[in-house]
């Protein structure tokens, strides 16, 4: 079993989530994301929107990864970094999935329901803005904590994009704005994935070096 050394150099004095108020905030955000996944995925199928489905998948991924973040709070740095690495990898896989389904949808000719896109997008934006304010105090920290903040920020950006796409679909009568936003969300997932994985790998190396007595 790993033993976490207080004040060890590999922790870099970064907040690791060990705060009752942070844990309560994380539980609240997990509940918000779980509810919004079901709401947005249902709306995505009913309204025929790839952007809504992509954003719903982000809610689902966040629900699972936030639960993982909560589970490893207080664990050794190597364990927390490994959890963040898993989250970063899941974001990368999500980006690939969204991109593939978006390309497949480009061969269709059915425009999504613009009012559904914008209406549900506004609801999702409200949920994510609430999550951002709940987590605002803890936007910096180790890779495990930071990944939670990045995912919440991504959600809000994605919601704004979905709302804009709904307006563009309504104005043009075309399905292309919806597909373009879905593709942009995939690129945002990929960028955040890279950032999370890079920090997690750095922390894993630091923890291993400390264990080997190199630092």
N, C-alpha and C. Protein backbone atom coordinates (compact mmCIF):
# COMPACT_ATOMS: atom_id res chain seq x y z
N UNK A 1 0.85 -1.20 0.00
CA UNK A 1 0.00 0.00 0.00
C UNK A 1 0.88 1.24 0.00
N UNK A 2 0.51 2.25 -0.80
CA UNK A 2 1.29 3.46 -0.91
C UNK A 2 1.10 4.31 0.34
N UNK A 3 2.16 4.96 0.75
CA UNK A 3 2.11 5.87 1.87
C UNK A 3 2.38 7.27 1.38
N UNK A 4 1.50 8.18 1.73
CA UNK A 4 1.65 9.54 1.28
C UNK A 4 2.46 10.31 2.31
N UNK A 5 3.55 10.92 1.91
CA UNK A 5 4.44 11.64 2.81
C UNK A 5 4.04 13.10 2.84
N UNK A 6 3.68 13.58 4.02
CA UNK A 6 3.27 14.98 4.14
C UNK A 6 4.43 15.89 3.79
N UNK A 7 4.13 16.91 3.00
CA UNK A 7 5.13 17.90 2.64
C UNK A 7 6.19 17.40 1.69
N UNK A 8 5.97 16.25 1.06
CA UNK A 8 6.98 15.73 0.15
C UNK A 8 7.10 16.64 -1.06
N UNK A 9 8.29 16.69 -1.63
CA UNK A 9 8.57 17.62 -2.72
C UNK A 9 7.71 17.35 -3.93
N UNK A 10 7.28 16.07 -4.08
CA UNK A 10 6.53 15.73 -5.28
C UNK A 10 5.11 16.27 -5.26
N UNK A 11 4.62 16.73 -4.10
CA UNK A 11 3.28 17.28 -4.03
C UNK A 11 3.21 18.70 -4.57
N UNK A 12 4.35 19.37 -4.61
CA UNK A 12 4.44 20.72 -5.16
C UNK A 12 3.47 21.68 -4.48
N UNK A 13 3.10 21.39 -3.19
CA UNK A 13 2.21 22.26 -2.43
C UNK A 13 0.91 22.54 -3.16
N UNK A 14 0.46 21.63 -4.00
CA UNK A 14 -0.79 21.82 -4.73
C UNK A 14 -1.95 21.24 -3.94
N UNK A 15 -3.09 21.93 -3.99
CA UNK A 15 -4.28 21.45 -3.31
C UNK A 15 -4.70 20.11 -3.89
N UNK A 16 -4.92 19.13 -3.00
CA UNK A 16 -5.22 17.77 -3.48
C UNK A 16 -6.66 17.34 -3.21
N UNK A 17 -7.52 18.28 -2.80
CA UNK A 17 -8.91 17.95 -2.61
C UNK A 17 -9.30 17.57 -1.19
N UNK A 18 -8.32 17.52 -0.28
CA UNK A 18 -8.62 17.09 1.08
C UNK A 18 -9.24 18.24 1.90
N UNK A 19 -10.49 18.48 1.62
CA UNK A 19 -11.26 19.51 2.31
C UNK A 19 -12.72 19.08 2.31
N UNK A 20 -13.38 19.07 3.46
CA UNK A 20 -14.80 18.68 3.51
C UNK A 20 -15.67 19.54 2.60
N UNK A 21 -15.37 20.84 2.51
CA UNK A 21 -16.16 21.72 1.67
C UNK A 21 -15.97 21.38 0.19
N UNK A 22 -14.75 21.00 -0.20
CA UNK A 22 -14.50 20.61 -1.59
C UNK A 22 -15.24 19.32 -1.92
N UNK A 23 -15.22 18.37 -0.99
CA UNK A 23 -15.91 17.09 -1.23
C UNK A 23 -17.42 17.31 -1.39
N UNK A 24 -17.99 18.20 -0.56
CA UNK A 24 -19.42 18.49 -0.69
C UNK A 24 -19.71 19.15 -2.03
N UNK A 25 -18.83 20.07 -2.43
CA UNK A 25 -19.00 20.75 -3.71
C UNK A 25 -18.94 19.75 -4.86
N UNK A 26 -18.01 18.80 -4.77
CA UNK A 26 -17.85 17.79 -5.82
C UNK A 26 -19.08 16.89 -5.91
N UNK A 27 -19.63 16.52 -4.77
CA UNK A 27 -20.84 15.68 -4.77
C UNK A 27 -22.00 16.42 -5.43
N UNK A 28 -22.13 17.72 -5.15
CA UNK A 28 -23.20 18.52 -5.76
C UNK A 28 -23.04 18.58 -7.27
N UNK A 29 -21.80 18.76 -7.73
CA UNK A 29 -21.54 18.85 -9.16
C UNK A 29 -21.77 17.50 -9.85
N UNK A 30 -21.44 16.41 -9.18
CA UNK A 30 -21.69 15.07 -9.72
C UNK A 30 -23.19 14.88 -9.95
N UNK A 31 -24.01 15.30 -8.99
CA UNK A 31 -25.46 15.17 -9.11
C UNK A 31 -25.99 16.01 -10.28
N UNK A 32 -25.49 17.22 -10.42
CA UNK A 32 -25.92 18.10 -11.51
C UNK A 32 -25.61 17.47 -12.87
N UNK A 33 -24.39 16.94 -13.01
CA UNK A 33 -23.97 16.34 -14.27
C UNK A 33 -24.77 15.08 -14.61
N UNK A 34 -25.07 14.27 -13.61
CA UNK A 34 -25.83 13.04 -13.85
C UNK A 34 -27.23 13.36 -14.37
N UNK A 35 -27.89 14.33 -13.75
CA UNK A 35 -29.23 14.71 -14.19
C UNK A 35 -29.20 15.27 -15.60
N UNK A 36 -28.22 16.14 -15.88
CA UNK A 36 -28.15 16.78 -17.20
C UNK A 36 -27.80 15.80 -18.31
N UNK A 37 -27.09 14.72 -18.00
CA UNK A 37 -26.80 13.71 -19.02
C UNK A 37 -28.11 13.13 -19.56
N UNK A 38 -29.00 12.73 -18.66
CA UNK A 38 -30.25 12.12 -19.09
C UNK A 38 -31.13 13.14 -19.83
N UNK A 39 -31.17 14.37 -19.32
CA UNK A 39 -31.98 15.40 -19.96
C UNK A 39 -31.48 15.69 -21.37
N UNK A 40 -30.17 15.90 -21.50
CA UNK A 40 -29.61 16.33 -22.78
C UNK A 40 -29.54 15.19 -23.80
N UNK A 41 -29.25 13.98 -23.35
CA UNK A 41 -29.21 12.87 -24.29
C UNK A 41 -30.61 12.59 -24.83
N UNK A 42 -31.63 12.66 -23.98
CA UNK A 42 -33.01 12.46 -24.43
C UNK A 42 -33.38 13.53 -25.45
N UNK A 43 -33.00 14.78 -25.15
CA UNK A 43 -33.30 15.87 -26.08
C UNK A 43 -32.53 15.72 -27.38
N UNK A 44 -31.32 15.19 -27.30
CA UNK A 44 -30.50 14.99 -28.50
C UNK A 44 -31.15 14.00 -29.46
N UNK A 45 -31.70 12.92 -28.91
CA UNK A 45 -32.37 11.92 -29.76
C UNK A 45 -33.70 12.45 -30.28
N UNK A 46 -34.45 13.12 -29.41
CA UNK A 46 -35.75 13.65 -29.83
C UNK A 46 -35.61 14.76 -30.86
N UNK A 47 -34.57 15.59 -30.69
CA UNK A 47 -34.37 16.71 -31.60
C UNK A 47 -33.44 16.41 -32.75
N UNK A 48 -32.84 15.21 -32.77
CA UNK A 48 -31.93 14.84 -33.85
C UNK A 48 -30.67 15.67 -33.91
N UNK A 49 -30.12 16.05 -32.74
CA UNK A 49 -28.95 16.93 -32.69
C UNK A 49 -27.69 16.19 -32.25
N UNK A 50 -26.67 16.18 -33.12
CA UNK A 50 -25.39 15.60 -32.77
C UNK A 50 -24.69 16.43 -31.70
N UNK A 51 -24.84 17.75 -31.76
CA UNK A 51 -24.19 18.62 -30.78
C UNK A 51 -24.73 18.35 -29.38
N UNK A 52 -26.04 18.17 -29.26
CA UNK A 52 -26.62 17.87 -27.96
C UNK A 52 -26.15 16.51 -27.45
N UNK A 53 -26.08 15.54 -28.34
CA UNK A 53 -25.61 14.21 -27.94
C UNK A 53 -24.15 14.27 -27.49
N UNK A 54 -23.33 15.05 -28.21
CA UNK A 54 -21.92 15.19 -27.83
C UNK A 54 -21.80 15.84 -26.47
N UNK A 55 -22.61 16.87 -26.23
CA UNK A 55 -22.56 17.56 -24.94
C UNK A 55 -23.08 16.65 -23.83
N UNK A 56 -24.08 15.82 -24.14
CA UNK A 56 -24.61 14.88 -23.15
C UNK A 56 -23.55 13.86 -22.76
N UNK A 57 -22.78 13.39 -23.75
CA UNK A 57 -21.70 12.46 -23.46
C UNK A 57 -20.66 13.09 -22.54
N UNK A 58 -20.44 14.39 -22.72
CA UNK A 58 -19.53 15.10 -21.85
C UNK A 58 -20.06 15.10 -20.41
N UNK A 59 -21.37 15.29 -20.25
CA UNK A 59 -21.97 15.23 -18.92
C UNK A 59 -21.77 13.83 -18.31
N UNK A 60 -21.96 12.80 -19.13
CA UNK A 60 -21.80 11.43 -18.63
C UNK A 60 -20.36 11.17 -18.22
N UNK A 61 -19.43 11.60 -19.06
CA UNK A 61 -18.02 11.42 -18.74
C UNK A 61 -17.64 12.17 -17.48
N UNK A 62 -18.17 13.37 -17.32
CA UNK A 62 -17.87 14.16 -16.13
C UNK A 62 -18.43 13.50 -14.87
N UNK A 63 -19.62 12.95 -14.97
CA UNK A 63 -20.22 12.27 -13.81
C UNK A 63 -19.32 11.14 -13.32
N UNK A 64 -18.85 10.32 -14.27
CA UNK A 64 -18.00 9.19 -13.92
C UNK A 64 -16.64 9.63 -13.41
N UNK A 65 -16.03 10.61 -14.10
CA UNK A 65 -14.68 11.01 -13.70
C UNK A 65 -14.67 11.84 -12.43
N UNK A 66 -15.74 12.61 -12.18
CA UNK A 66 -15.81 13.35 -10.92
C UNK A 66 -15.96 12.38 -9.75
N UNK A 67 -16.71 11.30 -9.97
CA UNK A 67 -16.84 10.28 -8.93
C UNK A 67 -15.48 9.64 -8.66
N UNK A 68 -14.70 9.43 -9.72
CA UNK A 68 -13.35 8.89 -9.56
C UNK A 68 -12.47 9.89 -8.80
N UNK A 69 -12.61 11.16 -9.12
CA UNK A 69 -11.85 12.21 -8.42
C UNK A 69 -12.15 12.17 -6.93
N UNK A 70 -13.42 12.03 -6.60
CA UNK A 70 -13.85 11.99 -5.20
C UNK A 70 -13.27 10.76 -4.50
N UNK A 71 -13.23 9.64 -5.22
CA UNK A 71 -12.77 8.39 -4.62
C UNK A 71 -11.28 8.41 -4.26
N UNK A 72 -10.46 9.14 -5.02
CA UNK A 72 -9.01 9.11 -4.79
C UNK A 72 -8.51 10.29 -3.97
N UNK A 73 -9.41 11.15 -3.51
CA UNK A 73 -8.97 12.26 -2.65
C UNK A 73 -8.31 11.69 -1.40
N UNK A 74 -7.13 12.20 -1.07
CA UNK A 74 -6.39 11.73 0.09
C UNK A 74 -5.43 10.60 -0.21
N UNK A 75 -5.49 10.06 -1.42
CA UNK A 75 -4.57 8.98 -1.80
C UNK A 75 -3.20 9.56 -2.13
N UNK A 76 -2.23 8.67 -2.34
CA UNK A 76 -0.89 9.11 -2.70
C UNK A 76 -0.90 9.85 -4.03
N UNK A 77 0.09 10.71 -4.24
CA UNK A 77 0.16 11.50 -5.46
C UNK A 77 0.12 10.62 -6.70
N UNK A 78 0.83 9.50 -6.66
CA UNK A 78 0.86 8.60 -7.82
C UNK A 78 -0.54 8.08 -8.15
N UNK A 79 -1.32 7.76 -7.13
CA UNK A 79 -2.69 7.28 -7.34
C UNK A 79 -3.58 8.37 -7.90
N UNK A 80 -3.45 9.58 -7.36
CA UNK A 80 -4.27 10.69 -7.86
C UNK A 80 -3.91 11.03 -9.30
N UNK A 81 -2.62 10.98 -9.61
CA UNK A 81 -2.19 11.27 -10.98
C UNK A 81 -2.68 10.19 -11.94
N UNK A 82 -2.70 8.94 -11.48
CA UNK A 82 -3.20 7.85 -12.31
C UNK A 82 -4.68 8.03 -12.60
N UNK A 83 -5.44 8.48 -11.60
CA UNK A 83 -6.86 8.75 -11.80
C UNK A 83 -7.05 9.85 -12.84
N UNK A 84 -6.23 10.89 -12.75
CA UNK A 84 -6.32 11.98 -13.72
C UNK A 84 -5.95 11.48 -15.12
N UNK A 85 -4.98 10.57 -15.18
CA UNK A 85 -4.57 9.98 -16.46
C UNK A 85 -5.73 9.22 -17.09
N UNK A 86 -6.47 8.49 -16.27
CA UNK A 86 -7.65 7.76 -16.77
C UNK A 86 -8.68 8.74 -17.31
N UNK A 87 -8.88 9.84 -16.60
CA UNK A 87 -9.85 10.85 -17.04
C UNK A 87 -9.42 11.49 -18.36
N UNK A 88 -8.13 11.80 -18.45
CA UNK A 88 -7.62 12.39 -19.69
C UNK A 88 -7.78 11.45 -20.87
N UNK A 89 -7.53 10.17 -20.64
CA UNK A 89 -7.68 9.17 -21.70
C UNK A 89 -9.14 9.02 -22.11
N UNK A 90 -10.05 9.06 -21.14
CA UNK A 90 -11.48 8.94 -21.46
C UNK A 90 -11.95 10.13 -22.29
N UNK A 91 -11.40 11.31 -22.00
CA UNK A 91 -11.74 12.49 -22.80
C UNK A 91 -11.26 12.33 -24.24
N UNK A 92 -10.07 11.76 -24.40
CA UNK A 92 -9.53 11.54 -25.74
C UNK A 92 -10.41 10.56 -26.51
N UNK A 93 -10.84 9.48 -25.86
CA UNK A 93 -11.70 8.50 -26.50
C UNK A 93 -13.05 9.12 -26.87
N UNK A 94 -13.55 9.99 -25.99
CA UNK A 94 -14.81 10.67 -26.26
C UNK A 94 -14.68 11.57 -27.48
N UNK A 95 -13.54 12.24 -27.59
CA UNK A 95 -13.30 13.12 -28.74
C UNK A 95 -13.33 12.32 -30.04
N UNK A 96 -12.70 11.15 -30.03
CA UNK A 96 -12.68 10.30 -31.23
C UNK A 96 -14.09 9.83 -31.58
N UNK A 97 -14.84 9.41 -30.56
CA UNK A 97 -16.20 8.92 -30.79
C UNK A 97 -17.09 10.01 -31.38
N UNK A 98 -17.04 11.20 -30.78
CA UNK A 98 -17.87 12.31 -31.26
C UNK A 98 -17.50 12.67 -32.69
N UNK A 99 -16.19 12.68 -32.99
CA UNK A 99 -15.74 13.02 -34.33
C UNK A 99 -16.23 12.01 -35.36
N UNK A 100 -16.14 10.73 -35.02
CA UNK A 100 -16.58 9.68 -35.94
C UNK A 100 -18.08 9.76 -36.20
N UNK A 101 -18.88 9.92 -35.14
CA UNK A 101 -20.33 9.99 -35.32
C UNK A 101 -20.74 11.26 -36.06
N UNK A 102 -19.99 12.33 -35.87
CA UNK A 102 -20.28 13.57 -36.58
C UNK A 102 -20.02 13.42 -38.07
N UNK A 103 -18.90 12.77 -38.42
CA UNK A 103 -18.58 12.54 -39.83
C UNK A 103 -19.65 11.66 -40.46
N UNK A 104 -20.10 10.64 -39.71
CA UNK A 104 -21.15 9.75 -40.23
C UNK A 104 -22.45 10.52 -40.47
N UNK A 105 -22.76 11.46 -39.57
CA UNK A 105 -24.00 12.23 -39.69
C UNK A 105 -23.95 13.21 -40.86
N UNK A 106 -22.75 13.54 -41.30
CA UNK A 106 -22.60 14.49 -42.40
C UNK A 106 -23.18 13.94 -43.70
N UNK A 107 -23.36 12.61 -43.76
CA UNK A 107 -23.92 12.01 -44.96
C UNK A 107 -25.45 11.95 -44.94
N UNK A 108 -26.04 12.44 -43.85
CA UNK A 108 -27.50 12.51 -43.76
C UNK A 108 -27.99 13.85 -44.29
N UNK A 109 -29.29 14.06 -44.24
CA UNK A 109 -29.83 15.31 -44.76
C UNK A 109 -30.96 15.85 -43.88
N UNK A 110 -30.99 15.41 -42.61
CA UNK A 110 -32.05 15.84 -41.71
C UNK A 110 -31.51 16.91 -40.76
N UNK A 111 -32.15 18.08 -40.78
CA UNK A 111 -31.75 19.16 -39.89
C UNK A 111 -32.31 18.94 -38.50
N UNK A 112 -31.52 19.20 -37.46
CA UNK A 112 -32.02 19.02 -36.10
C UNK A 112 -33.05 20.09 -35.75
N UNK A 113 -33.78 19.86 -34.64
CA UNK A 113 -34.80 20.81 -34.19
C UNK A 113 -34.11 21.96 -33.47
N UNK A 114 -34.07 23.12 -34.11
CA UNK A 114 -33.35 24.27 -33.56
C UNK A 114 -33.88 24.72 -32.20
N UNK A 115 -35.20 24.81 -31.99
CA UNK A 115 -35.70 25.23 -30.66
C UNK A 115 -35.27 24.29 -29.55
N UNK A 116 -35.24 22.99 -29.85
CA UNK A 116 -34.81 22.01 -28.85
C UNK A 116 -33.34 22.23 -28.52
N UNK A 117 -32.52 22.42 -29.55
CA UNK A 117 -31.09 22.65 -29.35
C UNK A 117 -30.83 23.85 -28.45
N UNK A 118 -31.44 24.97 -28.79
CA UNK A 118 -31.19 26.20 -28.04
C UNK A 118 -31.80 26.15 -26.65
N UNK A 119 -33.02 25.60 -26.54
CA UNK A 119 -33.69 25.54 -25.24
C UNK A 119 -32.94 24.66 -24.25
N UNK A 120 -32.58 23.46 -24.69
CA UNK A 120 -31.86 22.54 -23.80
C UNK A 120 -30.43 23.06 -23.57
N UNK A 121 -29.87 23.70 -24.60
CA UNK A 121 -28.54 24.29 -24.44
C UNK A 121 -28.53 25.34 -23.34
N UNK A 122 -29.60 26.15 -23.26
CA UNK A 122 -29.70 27.16 -22.19
C UNK A 122 -29.81 26.50 -20.82
N UNK A 123 -30.59 25.43 -20.74
CA UNK A 123 -30.74 24.71 -19.48
C UNK A 123 -29.39 24.12 -19.04
N UNK A 124 -28.68 23.51 -19.99
CA UNK A 124 -27.38 22.92 -19.69
C UNK A 124 -26.37 23.99 -19.29
N UNK A 125 -26.44 25.14 -19.97
CA UNK A 125 -25.53 26.24 -19.62
C UNK A 125 -25.76 26.69 -18.19
N UNK A 126 -27.03 26.80 -17.79
CA UNK A 126 -27.33 27.18 -16.42
C UNK A 126 -26.75 26.19 -15.42
N UNK A 127 -26.87 24.89 -15.74
CA UNK A 127 -26.35 23.85 -14.85
C UNK A 127 -24.83 23.94 -14.73
N UNK A 128 -24.17 24.20 -15.87
CA UNK A 128 -22.71 24.25 -15.85
C UNK A 128 -22.17 25.52 -15.23
N UNK A 129 -22.87 26.63 -15.41
CA UNK A 129 -22.44 27.87 -14.75
C UNK A 129 -22.55 27.70 -13.24
N UNK A 130 -23.62 27.02 -12.79
CA UNK A 130 -23.77 26.73 -11.36
C UNK A 130 -22.60 25.88 -10.87
N UNK A 131 -22.21 24.87 -11.67
CA UNK A 131 -21.09 24.00 -11.30
C UNK A 131 -19.79 24.79 -11.22
N UNK A 132 -19.58 25.70 -12.18
CA UNK A 132 -18.37 26.50 -12.20
C UNK A 132 -18.26 27.36 -10.95
N UNK A 133 -19.37 27.98 -10.55
CA UNK A 133 -19.35 28.81 -9.35
C UNK A 133 -19.14 27.97 -8.09
N UNK A 134 -19.70 26.76 -8.08
CA UNK A 134 -19.50 25.87 -6.94
C UNK A 134 -18.03 25.50 -6.79
N UNK A 135 -17.34 25.30 -7.94
CA UNK A 135 -15.94 24.85 -7.93
C UNK A 135 -14.92 25.98 -8.03
N UNK A 136 -15.40 27.22 -8.11
CA UNK A 136 -14.51 28.34 -8.41
C UNK A 136 -13.34 28.45 -7.44
N UNK A 137 -13.58 28.19 -6.18
CA UNK A 137 -12.51 28.32 -5.16
C UNK A 137 -11.39 27.32 -5.39
N UNK A 138 -11.69 26.25 -6.11
CA UNK A 138 -10.71 25.16 -6.25
C UNK A 138 -10.31 24.93 -7.70
N UNK A 139 -10.19 26.01 -8.47
CA UNK A 139 -9.88 25.84 -9.89
C UNK A 139 -8.41 25.49 -10.13
N UNK A 140 -7.55 25.67 -9.13
CA UNK A 140 -6.14 25.28 -9.23
C UNK A 140 -5.88 24.14 -8.27
N UNK A 141 -4.92 23.33 -8.60
CA UNK A 141 -4.57 22.21 -7.73
C UNK A 141 -3.81 21.15 -8.50
N UNK A 142 -3.77 19.94 -7.95
CA UNK A 142 -3.08 18.86 -8.65
C UNK A 142 -3.90 18.46 -9.87
N UNK A 143 -3.39 17.49 -10.63
CA UNK A 143 -4.05 17.12 -11.88
C UNK A 143 -5.45 16.58 -11.65
N UNK A 144 -5.67 15.92 -10.51
CA UNK A 144 -6.99 15.39 -10.20
C UNK A 144 -8.00 16.51 -9.99
N UNK A 145 -7.62 17.52 -9.21
CA UNK A 145 -8.50 18.66 -8.94
C UNK A 145 -8.67 19.53 -10.19
N UNK A 146 -7.56 19.78 -10.87
CA UNK A 146 -7.61 20.66 -12.04
C UNK A 146 -8.46 20.06 -13.16
N UNK A 147 -8.43 18.74 -13.29
CA UNK A 147 -9.21 18.10 -14.36
C UNK A 147 -10.70 18.33 -14.16
N UNK A 148 -11.14 18.40 -12.91
CA UNK A 148 -12.55 18.68 -12.63
C UNK A 148 -12.92 20.07 -13.11
N UNK A 149 -12.05 21.03 -12.81
CA UNK A 149 -12.31 22.42 -13.24
C UNK A 149 -12.33 22.52 -14.76
N UNK A 150 -11.37 21.89 -15.43
CA UNK A 150 -11.30 21.97 -16.88
C UNK A 150 -12.55 21.37 -17.53
N UNK A 151 -13.02 20.26 -16.99
CA UNK A 151 -14.20 19.62 -17.56
C UNK A 151 -15.43 20.50 -17.39
N UNK A 152 -15.57 21.15 -16.24
CA UNK A 152 -16.70 22.04 -16.00
C UNK A 152 -16.65 23.25 -16.93
N UNK A 153 -15.45 23.78 -17.11
CA UNK A 153 -15.29 24.91 -18.03
C UNK A 153 -15.64 24.51 -19.46
N UNK A 154 -15.19 23.32 -19.86
CA UNK A 154 -15.50 22.82 -21.20
C UNK A 154 -17.00 22.72 -21.42
N UNK A 155 -17.69 22.25 -20.40
CA UNK A 155 -19.14 22.09 -20.52
C UNK A 155 -19.82 23.42 -20.81
N UNK A 156 -19.42 24.46 -20.07
CA UNK A 156 -20.03 25.78 -20.28
C UNK A 156 -19.75 26.30 -21.68
N UNK A 157 -18.52 26.13 -22.14
CA UNK A 157 -18.16 26.55 -23.49
C UNK A 157 -18.99 25.78 -24.52
N UNK A 158 -19.12 24.48 -24.29
CA UNK A 158 -19.90 23.64 -25.20
C UNK A 158 -21.36 24.05 -25.26
N UNK A 159 -21.94 24.42 -24.12
CA UNK A 159 -23.34 24.83 -24.09
C UNK A 159 -23.56 26.11 -24.89
N UNK A 160 -22.65 27.05 -24.75
CA UNK A 160 -22.75 28.30 -25.51
C UNK A 160 -22.70 28.00 -27.01
N UNK A 161 -21.81 27.06 -27.38
CA UNK A 161 -21.67 26.68 -28.78
C UNK A 161 -22.94 26.00 -29.31
N UNK A 162 -23.56 25.15 -28.47
CA UNK A 162 -24.80 24.46 -28.88
C UNK A 162 -25.92 25.47 -29.08
N UNK A 163 -26.03 26.44 -28.18
CA UNK A 163 -27.06 27.48 -28.31
C UNK A 163 -26.86 28.26 -29.62
N UNK A 164 -25.60 28.62 -29.90
CA UNK A 164 -25.29 29.34 -31.13
C UNK A 164 -25.61 28.49 -32.36
N UNK A 165 -25.31 27.19 -32.28
CA UNK A 165 -25.60 26.29 -33.39
C UNK A 165 -27.10 26.19 -33.63
N UNK A 166 -27.88 26.17 -32.54
CA UNK A 166 -29.33 26.12 -32.68
C UNK A 166 -29.86 27.33 -33.43
N UNK A 167 -29.29 28.50 -33.12
CA UNK A 167 -29.68 29.72 -33.83
C UNK A 167 -29.30 29.66 -35.30
N UNK A 168 -28.10 29.13 -35.57
CA UNK A 168 -27.64 29.03 -36.95
C UNK A 168 -28.47 28.03 -37.75
N UNK A 169 -28.86 26.93 -37.12
CA UNK A 169 -29.71 25.94 -37.80
C UNK A 169 -31.06 26.56 -38.13
N UNK A 170 -31.61 27.32 -37.20
CA UNK A 170 -32.90 27.97 -37.42
C UNK A 170 -32.83 28.98 -38.57
N UNK A 171 -31.72 29.74 -38.63
CA UNK A 171 -31.58 30.76 -39.66
C UNK A 171 -31.33 30.17 -41.05
N UNK A 172 -30.54 29.09 -41.09
CA UNK A 172 -30.12 28.54 -42.38
C UNK A 172 -30.95 27.35 -42.84
N UNK A 173 -31.59 26.66 -41.89
CA UNK A 173 -32.32 25.44 -42.24
C UNK A 173 -31.39 24.30 -42.59
N UNK A 174 -30.12 24.43 -42.24
CA UNK A 174 -29.11 23.42 -42.56
C UNK A 174 -28.67 22.69 -41.31
N UNK A 175 -28.23 21.43 -41.47
CA UNK A 175 -27.72 20.66 -40.34
C UNK A 175 -26.23 20.91 -40.10
N UNK A 176 -25.57 21.65 -41.00
CA UNK A 176 -24.12 21.84 -40.88
C UNK A 176 -23.68 22.57 -39.61
N UNK A 177 -24.38 23.61 -39.16
CA UNK A 177 -23.94 24.25 -37.91
C UNK A 177 -23.89 23.27 -36.73
N UNK A 178 -24.86 22.36 -36.68
CA UNK A 178 -24.89 21.36 -35.62
C UNK A 178 -23.67 20.45 -35.69
N UNK A 179 -23.33 20.00 -36.90
CA UNK A 179 -22.18 19.11 -37.06
C UNK A 179 -20.86 19.83 -36.79
N UNK A 180 -20.79 21.10 -37.19
CA UNK A 180 -19.57 21.87 -36.96
C UNK A 180 -19.32 22.04 -35.46
N UNK A 181 -20.39 22.35 -34.71
CA UNK A 181 -20.24 22.50 -33.26
C UNK A 181 -19.85 21.18 -32.62
N UNK A 182 -20.43 20.07 -33.08
CA UNK A 182 -20.06 18.76 -32.54
C UNK A 182 -18.57 18.49 -32.78
N UNK A 183 -18.07 18.84 -33.95
CA UNK A 183 -16.66 18.65 -34.27
C UNK A 183 -15.77 19.55 -33.40
N UNK A 184 -16.23 20.78 -33.17
CA UNK A 184 -15.47 21.71 -32.32
C UNK A 184 -15.42 21.20 -30.88
N UNK A 185 -16.53 20.61 -30.42
CA UNK A 185 -16.53 20.03 -29.08
C UNK A 185 -15.53 18.88 -28.99
N UNK A 186 -15.44 18.08 -30.06
CA UNK A 186 -14.48 16.98 -30.09
C UNK A 186 -13.06 17.52 -29.96
N UNK A 187 -12.76 18.63 -30.64
CA UNK A 187 -11.41 19.21 -30.56
C UNK A 187 -11.15 19.78 -29.17
N UNK A 188 -12.18 20.34 -28.53
CA UNK A 188 -12.02 20.85 -27.17
C UNK A 188 -11.74 19.71 -26.20
N UNK A 189 -12.45 18.59 -26.37
CA UNK A 189 -12.18 17.41 -25.53
C UNK A 189 -10.73 16.96 -25.70
N UNK A 190 -10.27 16.94 -26.95
CA UNK A 190 -8.91 16.48 -27.23
C UNK A 190 -7.86 17.41 -26.59
N UNK A 191 -8.10 18.71 -26.67
CA UNK A 191 -7.15 19.67 -26.10
C UNK A 191 -7.07 19.54 -24.57
N UNK A 192 -8.23 19.42 -23.94
CA UNK A 192 -8.25 19.26 -22.48
C UNK A 192 -7.63 17.92 -22.08
N UNK A 193 -7.87 16.90 -22.89
CA UNK A 193 -7.28 15.59 -22.63
C UNK A 193 -5.76 15.68 -22.61
N UNK A 194 -5.21 16.38 -23.59
CA UNK A 194 -3.75 16.54 -23.66
C UNK A 194 -3.23 17.25 -22.42
N UNK A 195 -3.91 18.32 -22.00
CA UNK A 195 -3.48 19.10 -20.85
C UNK A 195 -3.50 18.27 -19.57
N UNK A 196 -4.59 17.51 -19.37
CA UNK A 196 -4.72 16.68 -18.18
C UNK A 196 -3.68 15.57 -18.16
N UNK A 197 -3.51 14.90 -19.30
CA UNK A 197 -2.55 13.79 -19.38
C UNK A 197 -1.13 14.28 -19.15
N UNK A 198 -0.77 15.44 -19.72
CA UNK A 198 0.58 15.99 -19.56
C UNK A 198 0.88 16.26 -18.09
N UNK A 199 -0.07 16.89 -17.37
CA UNK A 199 0.15 17.19 -15.96
C UNK A 199 0.19 15.91 -15.13
N UNK A 200 -0.70 14.96 -15.45
CA UNK A 200 -0.73 13.70 -14.72
C UNK A 200 0.57 12.92 -14.88
N UNK A 201 1.11 12.87 -16.10
CA UNK A 201 2.36 12.16 -16.33
C UNK A 201 3.52 12.83 -15.57
N UNK A 202 3.51 14.16 -15.53
CA UNK A 202 4.55 14.88 -14.79
C UNK A 202 4.49 14.54 -13.30
N UNK A 203 3.27 14.48 -12.76
CA UNK A 203 3.10 14.15 -11.34
C UNK A 203 3.47 12.70 -11.06
N UNK A 204 3.15 11.81 -11.98
CA UNK A 204 3.52 10.40 -11.79
C UNK A 204 5.04 10.24 -11.76
N UNK A 205 5.72 10.95 -12.68
CA UNK A 205 7.19 10.87 -12.70
C UNK A 205 7.78 11.44 -11.40
N UNK A 206 7.20 12.54 -10.93
CA UNK A 206 7.69 13.16 -9.70
C UNK A 206 7.51 12.22 -8.51
N UNK A 207 6.37 11.55 -8.45
CA UNK A 207 6.12 10.64 -7.33
C UNK A 207 7.06 9.44 -7.37
N UNK A 208 7.35 8.93 -8.57
CA UNK A 208 8.26 7.80 -8.71
C UNK A 208 9.69 8.20 -8.37
N UNK A 209 10.09 9.40 -8.79
CA UNK A 209 11.42 9.89 -8.46
C UNK A 209 11.59 10.06 -6.96
N UNK A 210 10.53 10.55 -6.29
CA UNK A 210 10.59 10.71 -4.84
C UNK A 210 10.71 9.34 -4.16
N UNK A 211 9.94 8.38 -4.66
CA UNK A 211 9.97 7.04 -4.06
C UNK A 211 11.35 6.38 -4.22
N UNK A 212 12.01 6.73 -5.35
CA UNK A 212 13.34 6.16 -5.60
C UNK A 212 14.45 6.96 -4.93
N UNK A 213 14.09 8.05 -4.26
CA UNK A 213 15.08 8.87 -3.58
C UNK A 213 15.85 9.79 -4.48
N UNK A 214 15.32 10.08 -5.69
CA UNK A 214 16.03 10.94 -6.63
C UNK A 214 15.81 12.41 -6.35
N UNK A 215 14.74 12.75 -5.60
CA UNK A 215 14.48 14.14 -5.26
C UNK A 215 14.22 14.27 -3.77
